[in-house]
Amino acid sequence: MAQAVRNRARGGKKSNTKGGRSAFSSLVRNGVLALSLLVIAVVVANLLLALLTRHGQNKDVPNFIGTTVAEAQSMAQDGRLEIIVNDSLYVPIYAGGVILEQRPSAGRNKVKSGRKIYVTINASHQRSVQVPYVAGYSLRQAKSNLITAGLEIERLEYVEDIASNYVLDQKLHGITIPKDSVVMAPIGSKITLVVGGNSYSTCEVPSLEGMTLREAKSTLWDLGLNVGKVDFVGVDDLAGQNSARVYMQYPEPTTEVSQGARVSFTLRAEE
């Protein structure tokens, strides 16, 4: 009897040992399986990320300026780019429908396949807008109203008047625009403003260095100065003109000039 009890005890110990080893082996297998699944998941995620972001597929942006939208779309097929028309202008020297500007620009920029290229095309004819009546406004407010309407200042004509730097009259093509009249003009038309002042009023010429054409014009008009001769260096298209910066001007900054004096400047392509 005692021998039988001892034998059963030995058998129970062996069974427990085998069970422990089996549980440990199962735990190891599960750990290896979980680690393998994790590695596979990481690899698959990286592959999907590379596919979605088109990793390593950067392409040069073609130059679409001067082409029609149809021609640009044909050129864009190679790089699987999408042409989006987001604006239009009217420049008489270019044919209707050709692309005037693009973003991103061509050259140094690289984009991935599927990227959208936004372009501005040349309209077949200029859209007309109503010329706002700005007589009675300050020069700054009159300038702002004209620019908002899509118009520009052709020149400032100063006349002796106590209403200093206030607009007394406005002209289109040399003809005075009367109050309460409805006058239409193509976008970009230039309006002459007759401004009150006196022959003794002077101001310092501001520094225009680093300004765009639009910024330089606005700065001069705000001070009661006229835009003189404007030249461009190293600029081939409208987009280049819009991004070019002033690097030379005459008269030089801080020069004392009378109201209505002209300031000329030269712009060059932005580096």
Protein backbone atom coordinates (compact mmCIF):
# COMPACT_ATOMS: atom_id res chain seq x y z
CA MET A 1 0.00 0.00 0.00
CA ALA A 2 2.73 2.48 0.94
CA GLN A 3 4.59 1.65 -2.23
CA ALA A 4 1.47 2.36 -4.31
CA VAL A 5 1.06 5.77 -2.63
CA ARG A 6 4.68 6.64 -3.38
CA ASN A 7 4.26 5.64 -7.00
CA ARG A 8 1.16 7.80 -7.38
CA ALA A 9 2.98 10.78 -5.86
CA ARG A 10 5.85 10.37 -8.30
CA GLY A 11 3.39 10.17 -11.18
CA GLY A 12 1.64 13.36 -10.03
CA LYS A 13 4.94 15.25 -9.92
CA LYS A 14 5.84 14.12 -13.44
CA SER A 15 2.39 15.18 -14.68
CA ASN A 16 2.74 18.62 -13.13
CA THR A 17 6.18 19.06 -14.69
CA LYS A 18 4.91 18.12 -18.13
CA GLY A 19 1.97 20.50 -17.75
CA GLY A 20 4.29 23.38 -16.80
CA ARG A 21 6.52 22.76 -19.75
CA SER A 22 3.51 22.62 -22.07
CA ALA A 23 2.17 25.94 -20.77
CA PHE A 24 5.57 27.62 -21.20
CA SER A 25 5.90 26.33 -24.76
CA SER A 26 2.42 27.62 -25.58
CA LEU A 27 3.30 31.01 -24.13
CA VAL A 28 6.47 31.20 -26.23
CA ARG A 29 4.60 30.24 -29.40
CA ASN A 30 1.93 32.88 -28.75
CA GLY A 31 4.63 35.50 -28.12
CA VAL A 32 6.45 34.65 -31.35
CA LEU A 33 3.16 34.70 -33.27
CA ALA A 34 2.20 38.10 -31.82
CA LEU A 35 5.63 39.52 -32.65
CA SER A 36 5.41 38.18 -36.20
CA LEU A 37 1.98 39.73 -36.67
CA LEU A 38 3.28 43.06 -35.37
CA VAL A 39 6.22 43.02 -37.81
CA ILE A 40 3.88 42.18 -40.70
CA ALA A 41 1.51 45.00 -39.68
CA VAL A 42 4.38 47.52 -39.59
CA VAL A 43 5.63 46.45 -43.03
CA VAL A 44 2.14 46.62 -44.56
CA ALA A 45 1.53 50.06 -42.97
CA ASN A 46 4.77 51.41 -44.43
CA LEU A 47 3.91 50.06 -47.86
CA LEU A 48 0.46 51.64 -47.74
CA LEU A 49 1.89 54.96 -46.54
CA ALA A 50 4.42 55.01 -49.36
CA LEU A 51 1.67 54.20 -51.85
CA LEU A 52 -0.69 56.89 -50.57
CA THR A 53 1.97 59.60 -50.40
CA ARG A 54 3.62 58.46 -53.66
CA HIS A 55 6.98 58.43 -51.91
CA GLY A 56 9.88 59.08 -54.26
CA GLN A 57 7.65 60.18 -57.13
CA ASN A 58 8.43 63.92 -57.09
CA LYS A 59 8.38 65.45 -60.56
CA ASP A 60 9.42 68.78 -62.05
CA VAL A 61 6.53 71.19 -62.63
CA PRO A 62 6.17 71.86 -66.38
CA ASN A 63 5.87 75.42 -67.65
CA PHE A 64 2.25 75.85 -68.74
CA ILE A 65 2.41 79.63 -69.30
CA GLY A 66 1.50 80.57 -72.87
CA THR A 67 -0.33 77.30 -73.56
CA THR A 68 -4.07 76.74 -73.75
CA VAL A 69 -5.83 74.78 -71.01
CA ALA A 70 -6.25 71.82 -73.38
CA GLU A 71 -2.54 71.83 -74.20
CA ALA A 72 -1.68 72.12 -70.50
CA GLN A 73 -3.92 69.17 -69.64
CA SER A 74 -2.20 67.09 -72.31
CA MET A 75 1.24 68.05 -70.92
CA ALA A 76 0.06 67.31 -67.37
CA GLN A 77 -0.89 63.72 -68.18
CA ASP A 78 2.73 62.51 -68.06
CA GLY A 79 3.08 63.63 -64.47
CA ARG A 80 -0.52 62.79 -63.62
CA LEU A 81 -1.10 66.41 -62.59
CA GLU A 82 -4.48 68.15 -62.51
CA ILE A 83 -5.01 71.59 -64.08
CA ILE A 84 -7.44 73.82 -62.16
CA VAL A 85 -8.53 77.21 -63.59
CA ASN A 86 -9.06 79.48 -60.59
CA ASP A 87 -8.99 82.97 -62.14
CA SER A 88 -8.99 84.95 -65.37
CA LEU A 89 -7.49 88.26 -66.47
CA TYR A 90 -7.52 90.22 -69.68
CA VAL A 91 -4.17 91.12 -71.23
CA PRO A 92 -4.65 92.41 -74.80
CA ILE A 93 -1.25 91.29 -76.06
CA TYR A 94 -2.06 87.61 -75.38
CA ALA A 95 -4.60 85.40 -77.14
CA GLY A 96 -7.79 84.52 -75.31
CA GLY A 97 -7.68 81.30 -73.32
CA VAL A 98 -3.91 81.04 -72.84
CA ILE A 99 -2.46 80.54 -69.37
CA LEU A 100 -0.92 83.65 -67.83
CA GLU A 101 0.07 82.38 -64.40
CA GLN A 102 0.44 79.07 -62.58
CA ARG A 103 0.93 77.92 -59.01
CA PRO A 104 3.18 76.12 -58.21
CA SER A 105 5.42 77.80 -60.74
CA ALA A 106 7.64 75.87 -63.14
CA GLY A 107 11.35 75.28 -62.68
CA ARG A 108 12.68 74.63 -59.20
CA ASN A 109 9.40 73.33 -57.75
CA LYS A 110 8.83 69.58 -57.57
CA VAL A 111 5.46 67.98 -56.85
CA LYS A 112 4.03 64.50 -56.40
CA SER A 113 1.78 62.82 -58.95
CA GLY A 114 -1.84 63.87 -58.60
CA ARG A 115 -0.97 67.40 -57.43
CA LYS A 116 -3.29 70.23 -58.51
CA ILE A 117 -1.79 73.06 -60.57
CA TYR A 118 -3.81 76.28 -60.32
CA VAL A 119 -3.73 78.53 -63.38
CA THR A 120 -4.97 81.98 -64.42
CA ILE A 121 -6.11 82.25 -68.02
CA ASN A 122 -6.43 85.22 -70.35
CA ALA A 123 -10.06 86.16 -70.95
CA SER A 124 -11.25 86.69 -74.51
CA HIS A 125 -12.52 90.15 -73.60
CA GLN A 126 -12.25 92.50 -70.67
CA ARG A 127 -15.09 92.57 -68.15
CA SER A 128 -16.49 96.02 -67.37
CA VAL A 129 -17.26 97.45 -63.94
CA GLN A 130 -19.00 100.58 -62.72
CA VAL A 131 -16.62 103.39 -61.87
CA PRO A 132 -17.24 104.43 -58.25
CA TYR A 133 -17.72 108.13 -57.59
CA VAL A 134 -14.93 109.12 -55.22
CA ALA A 135 -15.03 112.94 -55.31
CA GLY A 136 -15.32 114.22 -51.74
CA TYR A 137 -13.33 111.34 -50.30
CA SER A 138 -9.82 111.49 -48.88
CA LEU A 139 -7.12 110.40 -51.30
CA ARG A 140 -6.51 107.18 -49.35
CA GLN A 141 -10.19 106.24 -49.32
CA ALA A 142 -10.64 107.13 -52.99
CA LYS A 143 -7.64 104.96 -53.90
CA SER A 144 -9.04 102.06 -51.86
CA ASN A 145 -12.48 102.32 -53.53
CA LEU A 146 -10.98 102.33 -57.02
CA ILE A 147 -8.71 99.35 -56.34
CA THR A 148 -11.59 97.40 -54.81
CA ALA A 149 -13.57 98.00 -58.03
CA GLY A 150 -10.67 96.68 -60.12
CA LEU A 151 -9.46 100.09 -61.33
CA GLU A 152 -6.23 102.06 -60.93
CA ILE A 153 -5.08 105.63 -60.59
CA GLU A 154 -3.65 107.04 -63.81
CA ARG A 155 -2.27 110.18 -62.21
CA LEU A 156 -2.90 112.72 -59.46
CA GLU A 157 -3.55 116.32 -60.52
CA TYR A 158 -3.07 118.76 -57.65
CA VAL A 159 -4.93 122.09 -57.66
CA GLU A 160 -4.94 124.91 -55.11
CA ASP A 161 -7.69 124.17 -52.57
CA ILE A 162 -8.11 124.22 -48.80
CA ALA A 163 -9.38 120.62 -48.92
CA SER A 164 -5.85 119.24 -48.80
CA ASN A 165 -5.51 115.65 -50.06
CA TYR A 166 -9.22 115.35 -50.77
CA VAL A 167 -10.48 114.35 -54.22
CA LEU A 168 -12.30 117.21 -55.97
CA ASP A 169 -13.00 115.57 -59.34
CA GLN A 170 -12.29 112.41 -61.28
CA LYS A 171 -11.74 111.81 -64.97
CA LEU A 172 -11.84 108.85 -67.34
CA HIS A 173 -10.00 109.34 -70.64
CA GLY A 174 -9.77 113.05 -69.84
CA ILE A 175 -13.55 113.45 -69.37
CA THR A 176 -14.89 114.49 -65.96
CA ILE A 177 -17.27 111.99 -64.41
CA PRO A 178 -20.29 113.82 -62.94
CA LYS A 179 -21.91 112.82 -59.68
CA ASP A 180 -24.80 110.30 -59.82
CA SER A 181 -23.75 109.17 -63.30
CA VAL A 182 -23.35 105.50 -64.21
CA VAL A 183 -20.06 105.02 -66.03
CA MET A 184 -18.77 101.59 -67.00
CA ALA A 185 -15.12 100.87 -67.75
CA PRO A 186 -13.05 97.73 -68.40
CA ILE A 187 -11.32 96.27 -65.36
CA GLY A 188 -7.85 97.76 -65.03
CA SER A 189 -8.88 101.14 -66.46
CA LYS A 190 -7.03 104.12 -65.00
CA ILE A 191 -8.77 107.07 -63.42
CA THR A 192 -7.27 110.56 -63.06
CA LEU A 193 -7.98 112.16 -59.69
CA VAL A 194 -8.04 115.94 -59.17
CA VAL A 195 -6.81 116.50 -55.62
CA GLY A 196 -6.79 119.59 -53.41
CA GLY A 197 -3.48 120.94 -52.11
CA ASN A 198 -1.14 123.88 -52.30
CA SER A 199 2.04 124.64 -54.17
CA TYR A 200 4.08 124.67 -50.96
CA SER A 201 3.22 121.12 -49.88
CA THR A 202 6.12 118.70 -50.06
CA CYS A 203 6.92 115.18 -48.87
CA GLU A 204 9.85 112.81 -48.67
CA VAL A 205 10.19 110.11 -51.30
CA PRO A 206 9.72 106.74 -49.57
CA SER A 207 12.03 103.77 -50.01
CA LEU A 208 10.38 101.29 -52.38
CA GLU A 209 13.14 98.70 -52.22
CA GLY A 210 11.80 95.14 -51.93
CA MET A 211 8.20 96.09 -52.78
CA THR A 212 6.09 94.50 -55.50
CA LEU A 213 4.64 96.66 -58.28
CA ARG A 214 1.28 96.82 -56.53
CA GLU A 215 2.82 97.73 -53.17
CA ALA A 216 5.03 100.43 -54.71
CA LYS A 217 2.10 102.06 -56.55
CA SER A 218 -0.10 102.02 -53.44
CA THR A 219 2.66 103.54 -51.28
CA LEU A 220 3.24 106.40 -53.74
CA TRP A 221 -0.45 107.17 -54.17
CA ASP A 222 -1.01 107.28 -50.41
CA LEU A 223 1.65 110.01 -50.17
CA GLY A 224 0.21 112.01 -53.07
CA LEU A 225 2.98 111.01 -55.49
CA ASN A 226 2.61 109.79 -59.05
CA VAL A 227 4.01 106.62 -60.57
CA GLY A 228 6.65 107.48 -63.15
CA LYS A 229 8.42 105.10 -65.54
CA VAL A 230 8.32 101.45 -64.52
CA ASP A 231 10.94 99.02 -65.90
CA PHE A 232 11.50 95.28 -65.43
CA VAL A 233 14.75 93.31 -65.51
CA GLY A 234 14.85 89.53 -66.03
CA VAL A 235 11.06 89.26 -66.19
CA ASP A 236 9.38 87.43 -69.08
CA ASP A 237 5.70 87.13 -68.17
CA LEU A 238 2.85 88.53 -66.09
CA ALA A 239 3.54 86.15 -63.20
CA GLY A 240 7.10 87.43 -63.11
CA GLN A 241 5.92 91.05 -63.09
CA ASN A 242 3.61 90.37 -60.16
CA SER A 243 6.34 88.75 -58.07
CA ALA A 244 9.22 91.06 -59.10
CA ARG A 245 10.66 93.43 -56.47
CA VAL A 246 11.89 97.00 -56.66
CA TYR A 247 15.66 97.36 -56.49
CA MET A 248 16.21 100.82 -58.02
CA GLN A 249 14.25 104.08 -57.90
CA TYR A 250 14.50 107.73 -58.81
CA PRO A 251 14.37 110.12 -56.99
CA GLU A 252 16.19 108.35 -54.19
CA PRO A 253 14.56 107.80 -50.77
CA THR A 254 14.26 110.82 -48.42
CA THR A 255 14.48 113.27 -51.36
CA GLU A 256 12.14 116.20 -50.74
CA VAL A 257 9.64 116.62 -53.61
CA SER A 258 6.40 118.50 -54.22
CA GLN A 259 3.00 116.80 -54.16
CA GLY A 260 2.19 115.10 -57.44
CA ALA A 261 5.86 114.49 -58.31
CA ARG A 262 6.66 111.33 -60.26
CA VAL A 263 8.77 108.51 -58.87
CA SER A 264 10.23 105.98 -61.34
CA PHE A 265 11.54 102.58 -60.37
CA THR A 266 12.93 99.33 -61.73
CA LEU A 267 11.92 95.84 -60.63
CA ARG A 268 13.74 92.55 -61.11
CA ALA A 269 12.77 88.93 -60.78
CA GLU A 270 12.67 87.74 -57.19
CA GLU A 271 15.65 85.52 -56.41
